[in-house]
Protein backbone atom coordinates (compact mmCIF):
# COMPACT_ATOMS: atom_id res chain seq x y z
CA MET A 1 25.55 -5.93 30.73
CA THR A 2 23.58 -2.69 30.65
CA GLY A 3 22.81 -0.64 27.58
CA LEU A 4 24.31 2.73 26.66
CA ALA A 5 22.32 5.96 26.70
CA ARG A 6 22.87 8.98 24.48
CA VAL A 7 20.69 12.07 24.91
CA GLY A 8 20.90 15.24 22.82
CA CYS A 9 19.04 17.74 20.70
CA SER A 10 17.94 17.91 17.08
CA GLY A 11 20.53 20.43 15.97
CA TRP A 12 22.65 22.92 17.86
CA ALA A 13 22.62 26.15 15.79
CA TYR A 14 19.50 28.00 16.95
CA ARG A 15 19.66 31.77 17.28
CA ASP A 16 17.27 31.93 20.21
CA TRP A 17 19.62 29.73 22.23
CA ARG A 18 22.00 32.66 22.50
CA GLY A 19 21.76 33.98 26.03
CA LEU A 20 19.68 30.96 27.08
CA PHE A 21 22.31 28.29 26.53
CA TYR A 22 25.18 29.87 24.64
CA PRO A 23 26.86 32.84 26.32
CA GLU A 24 25.96 36.13 24.68
CA SER A 25 29.59 36.81 23.76
CA LEU A 26 30.28 33.35 22.31
CA PRO A 27 30.75 33.44 18.51
CA THR A 28 28.59 31.04 16.52
CA SER A 29 31.74 29.30 15.29
CA ALA A 30 32.29 28.09 18.87
CA TRP A 31 28.73 26.92 19.50
CA PHE A 32 29.31 23.29 18.58
CA GLU A 33 32.31 23.02 20.90
CA PHE A 34 30.18 24.45 23.71
CA TYR A 35 27.28 22.10 22.88
CA ALA A 36 29.62 19.09 22.88
CA ARG A 37 30.72 19.89 26.44
CA HIS A 38 27.17 19.14 27.59
CA PHE A 39 26.04 16.36 25.23
CA ASP A 40 27.72 13.44 23.49
CA THR A 41 25.34 13.31 20.52
CA VAL A 42 23.28 15.47 18.20
CA GLU A 43 20.69 14.75 15.53
CA ILE A 44 21.34 16.48 12.20
CA ASN A 45 18.14 17.46 10.40
CA ASN A 46 19.78 19.46 7.61
CA SER A 47 20.66 16.26 5.78
CA PHE A 48 16.91 15.72 5.25
CA TYR A 49 16.55 18.91 3.23
CA ARG A 50 19.80 18.79 1.30
CA LEU A 51 22.54 16.24 0.80
CA PRO A 52 25.52 17.50 2.80
CA THR A 53 28.64 18.24 0.83
CA ALA A 54 31.63 16.02 1.35
CA GLU A 55 33.41 19.01 2.88
CA ALA A 56 30.60 19.57 5.40
CA ALA A 57 30.62 15.93 6.49
CA GLU A 58 34.39 15.97 6.88
CA SER A 59 34.15 19.19 8.90
CA TRP A 60 31.64 17.52 11.25
CA GLU A 61 34.05 14.63 11.68
CA ARG A 62 36.96 16.94 12.54
CA GLN A 63 35.07 19.05 15.05
CA ALA A 64 33.63 16.15 17.07
CA PRO A 65 35.44 15.27 20.30
CA PRO A 66 36.27 11.63 21.12
CA GLY A 67 33.16 9.57 21.79
CA PHE A 68 30.74 12.06 20.20
CA VAL A 69 28.27 10.67 17.64
CA TYR A 70 25.95 12.19 15.07
CA ALA A 71 22.54 10.83 14.15
CA LEU A 72 21.65 11.80 10.59
CA LYS A 73 18.40 11.94 8.70
CA LEU A 74 18.08 10.31 5.30
CA GLY A 75 17.38 12.94 2.64
CA GLN A 76 13.80 13.65 1.65
CA PHE A 77 14.57 12.73 -1.96
CA GLY A 78 14.79 9.09 -0.91
CA SER A 79 12.13 9.07 1.79
CA HIS A 80 9.54 11.45 0.33
CA ARG A 81 10.03 11.84 -3.42
CA LYS A 82 11.06 8.25 -4.09
CA LYS A 83 9.19 6.83 -1.08
CA LEU A 84 12.10 4.42 -0.58
CA LYS A 85 11.75 3.10 -4.15
CA ASP A 86 14.83 1.88 -6.05
CA PRO A 87 17.42 2.36 -3.30
CA THR A 88 20.11 0.74 -5.45
CA THR A 89 19.90 3.38 -8.20
CA GLY A 90 22.19 5.87 -6.51
CA TRP A 91 20.32 8.01 -4.01
CA LEU A 92 21.12 5.72 -1.06
CA ASP A 93 24.76 5.49 -2.13
CA ASN A 94 24.97 9.29 -2.15
CA HIS A 95 23.73 9.40 1.43
CA LEU A 96 26.14 6.66 2.49
CA ASP A 97 29.09 8.43 0.87
CA ARG A 98 28.49 11.44 3.09
CA VAL A 99 27.71 9.73 6.38
CA ARG A 100 30.64 7.35 6.18
CA ARG A 101 32.95 10.37 6.18
CA LEU A 102 32.03 10.77 9.86
CA GLY A 103 34.04 7.66 10.68
CA SER A 104 33.80 6.68 14.34
CA HIS A 105 31.43 9.60 14.98
CA LEU A 106 28.66 8.06 12.86
CA GLY A 107 25.62 7.09 14.92
CA PRO A 108 22.18 5.88 13.81
CA ASN A 109 20.52 7.02 10.60
CA LEU A 110 16.88 8.09 10.70
CA VAL A 111 14.40 7.42 7.91
CA GLN A 112 11.38 9.71 8.33
CA LEU A 113 8.45 8.55 6.22
CA PRO A 114 6.01 11.08 4.74
CA PRO A 115 2.65 11.86 6.30
CA ARG A 116 -0.36 10.48 4.40
CA TRP A 117 1.76 7.75 2.78
CA LYS A 118 -0.05 4.55 3.62
CA ARG A 119 1.65 1.38 4.75
CA ASP A 120 3.79 -0.32 2.11
CA VAL A 121 5.51 -3.23 3.81
CA ALA A 122 7.22 -4.50 0.65
CA ARG A 123 8.76 -1.10 -0.09
CA LEU A 124 10.16 -0.86 3.43
CA ASP A 125 11.45 -4.42 3.26
CA ASP A 126 13.26 -3.73 -0.02
CA PHE A 127 14.86 -0.57 1.36
CA LEU A 128 16.12 -2.23 4.53
CA ALA A 129 17.43 -5.16 2.50
CA ALA A 130 19.56 -2.67 0.53
CA ALA A 131 20.67 -0.67 3.58
CA PRO A 132 24.09 -1.73 4.94
CA THR A 133 23.83 -3.62 8.20
CA ASP A 134 26.89 -2.00 9.81
CA ILE A 135 24.83 1.19 10.23
CA ARG A 136 21.96 1.42 12.70
CA TRP A 137 18.71 2.39 10.97
CA ALA A 138 15.64 3.85 12.67
CA VAL A 139 12.33 4.47 10.90
CA GLU A 140 9.87 7.17 11.96
CA MET A 141 6.28 6.53 10.83
CA ARG A 142 4.16 9.61 10.16
CA ASP A 143 0.95 7.80 9.15
CA THR A 144 -0.88 5.57 11.61
CA SER A 145 -1.35 2.80 9.03
CA TRP A 146 2.35 1.98 9.48
CA LEU A 147 1.88 1.16 13.16
CA HIS A 148 1.12 -2.44 12.30
CA ASP A 149 2.53 -5.84 13.25
CA ASP A 150 3.58 -6.52 9.65
CA VAL A 151 5.78 -3.42 9.74
CA PHE A 152 7.20 -4.28 13.14
CA HIS A 153 8.14 -7.74 11.89
CA VAL A 154 10.03 -6.26 8.93
CA LEU A 155 11.94 -3.96 11.25
CA GLU A 156 12.76 -6.88 13.54
CA ARG A 157 13.99 -9.03 10.67
CA HIS A 158 16.39 -6.33 9.51
CA GLY A 159 17.51 -5.20 12.97
CA ALA A 160 16.05 -1.70 12.47
CA ALA A 161 14.50 0.37 15.23
CA LEU A 162 10.99 1.74 15.31
CA CYS A 163 11.42 5.45 16.05
CA ILE A 164 9.20 6.34 19.00
CA HIS A 165 7.81 9.86 18.80
CA ASP A 166 4.87 12.03 19.83
CA LEU A 167 3.58 13.42 16.53
CA LEU A 168 1.09 10.55 16.28
CA ALA A 169 -1.42 10.13 19.09
CA GLY A 170 -0.93 6.92 21.01
CA HIS A 171 2.29 5.93 19.33
CA PRO A 172 3.39 2.67 20.97
CA TRP A 173 6.58 2.26 22.94
CA ILE A 174 7.86 -0.79 21.12
CA ARG A 175 11.38 -2.07 20.55
CA THR A 176 12.01 -3.91 17.30
CA THR A 177 15.72 -4.53 17.85
CA ASP A 178 18.40 -4.37 20.54
CA TRP A 179 18.38 -0.55 20.68
CA THR A 180 15.81 2.22 20.50
CA TYR A 181 15.47 5.72 19.06
CA ILE A 182 13.15 8.33 20.60
CA ARG A 183 12.27 11.79 19.29
CA PHE A 184 10.59 14.37 21.49
CA HIS A 185 8.86 16.96 19.27
CA GLY A 186 7.18 18.93 22.07
CA PRO A 187 4.75 18.30 24.92
CA ASN A 188 1.82 19.28 22.67
CA ALA A 189 3.47 18.15 19.46
CA ILE A 190 0.34 17.34 17.47
CA GLU A 191 -1.13 20.83 17.93
CA GLN A 192 2.07 22.86 18.22
CA PRO A 193 5.24 20.92 17.39
CA TYR A 194 8.70 22.11 18.45
CA HIS A 195 7.34 24.39 21.20
CA GLY A 196 7.05 24.09 24.96
CA ARG A 197 8.92 22.31 27.70
CA TYR A 198 8.11 18.82 28.90
CA GLY A 199 9.60 19.19 32.37
CA PRO A 200 10.22 16.36 34.84
CA GLN A 201 6.55 15.49 35.32
CA ARG A 202 5.90 14.80 31.63
CA LEU A 203 9.27 13.14 31.06
CA GLY A 204 9.15 10.95 34.16
CA ARG A 205 7.44 7.98 32.55
CA SER A 206 9.77 8.10 29.53
CA ALA A 207 12.77 8.12 31.85
CA GLU A 208 11.40 5.08 33.68
CA ARG A 209 10.81 3.14 30.45
CA LEU A 210 14.25 3.96 29.12
CA THR A 211 15.86 3.01 32.40
CA GLU A 212 14.15 -0.39 32.27
CA TRP A 213 15.36 -1.03 28.72
CA LEU A 214 18.88 0.16 29.52
CA GLN A 215 19.01 -2.11 32.56
CA ASP A 216 18.04 -4.99 30.27
CA GLY A 217 20.98 -4.24 27.96
CA TYR A 218 19.33 -2.20 25.19
CA ASP A 219 21.01 0.99 23.92
CA ALA A 220 18.95 4.19 23.68
CA TYR A 221 19.25 7.35 21.60
CA ALA A 222 16.94 10.23 22.55
CA TYR A 223 16.68 13.61 20.84
CA PHE A 224 14.65 16.70 21.70
CA ASN A 225 13.23 18.77 18.86
CA ASN A 226 11.31 21.34 20.97
CA ASP A 227 14.01 23.84 20.14
CA TYR A 228 12.05 27.10 20.48
CA GLU A 229 13.16 29.18 23.47
CA GLY A 230 15.76 26.58 24.38
CA HIS A 231 13.31 24.10 25.89
CA ALA A 232 15.06 21.20 24.16
CA ILE A 233 18.24 22.00 26.06
CA GLN A 234 16.51 22.00 29.45
CA ASP A 235 14.61 18.79 28.78
CA ALA A 236 17.62 16.99 27.32
CA LEU A 237 19.80 17.95 30.28
CA TRP A 238 17.15 16.67 32.69
CA LEU A 239 16.74 13.34 30.88
CA ARG A 240 20.49 12.93 30.55
CA GLU A 241 20.82 13.35 34.30
CA GLN A 242 18.22 10.61 34.90
CA LEU A 243 20.07 8.23 32.58
CA ALA A 244 23.55 9.21 33.75
CA PRO A 245 24.40 5.69 35.05
CA PHE A 246 24.09 4.43 31.46
CA GLU A 247 25.98 7.17 29.65
CA ALA A 248 28.13 6.08 26.76
CA VAL A 249 30.79 8.68 27.54
CA ALA A 250 31.86 9.58 31.06
């Protein structure tokens, strides 16, 4: 049995996408519907900066077509201010209350760790032990000290995915569970994140790796965050085409 592929962008409401992706005359209130005609998933970054209201989460659930899923970021209060400490004191429950309102449209949840926070295996272990196992969790490391076998073993034990991304030089392509989560921050992400287009030449190797994993039965979620000038749209459409045989939604 092959894996399922979902490819999308990190957000959909970018003003400079008007005329590049969204028709000039299309009102912003119709942008999500238009986006969802082309992609079956989106990564929501806003939840990192502020806990969504219950009404916002319920609105996301209502607007999503059948088969569409959202990936959501854990709020920075838990990942950056608390550094994953004391997940049972309420902040994780607040996040879960919102994301569960998405019902069948809930996809993986992303935990982005702060830069310059050095490896703390016990803290990560405690957090993942508290995180409900019916939700898929991915962890994005922003300090190279976390790219360590001890961390990978913790992720494996809890069935969490190592988020593969290009904001750290030489980040390994490693799976720690039966699915993977990839974030594309830009072809020159370390120097100028969120800008530029990858294009087929730079994405070719990623497409090959993902195809191999999908053929072996592992699901894949891939999101493009190079949103300036609509490059994320072009790159996501190209990668989606390469992985079309494994699409979750026809």
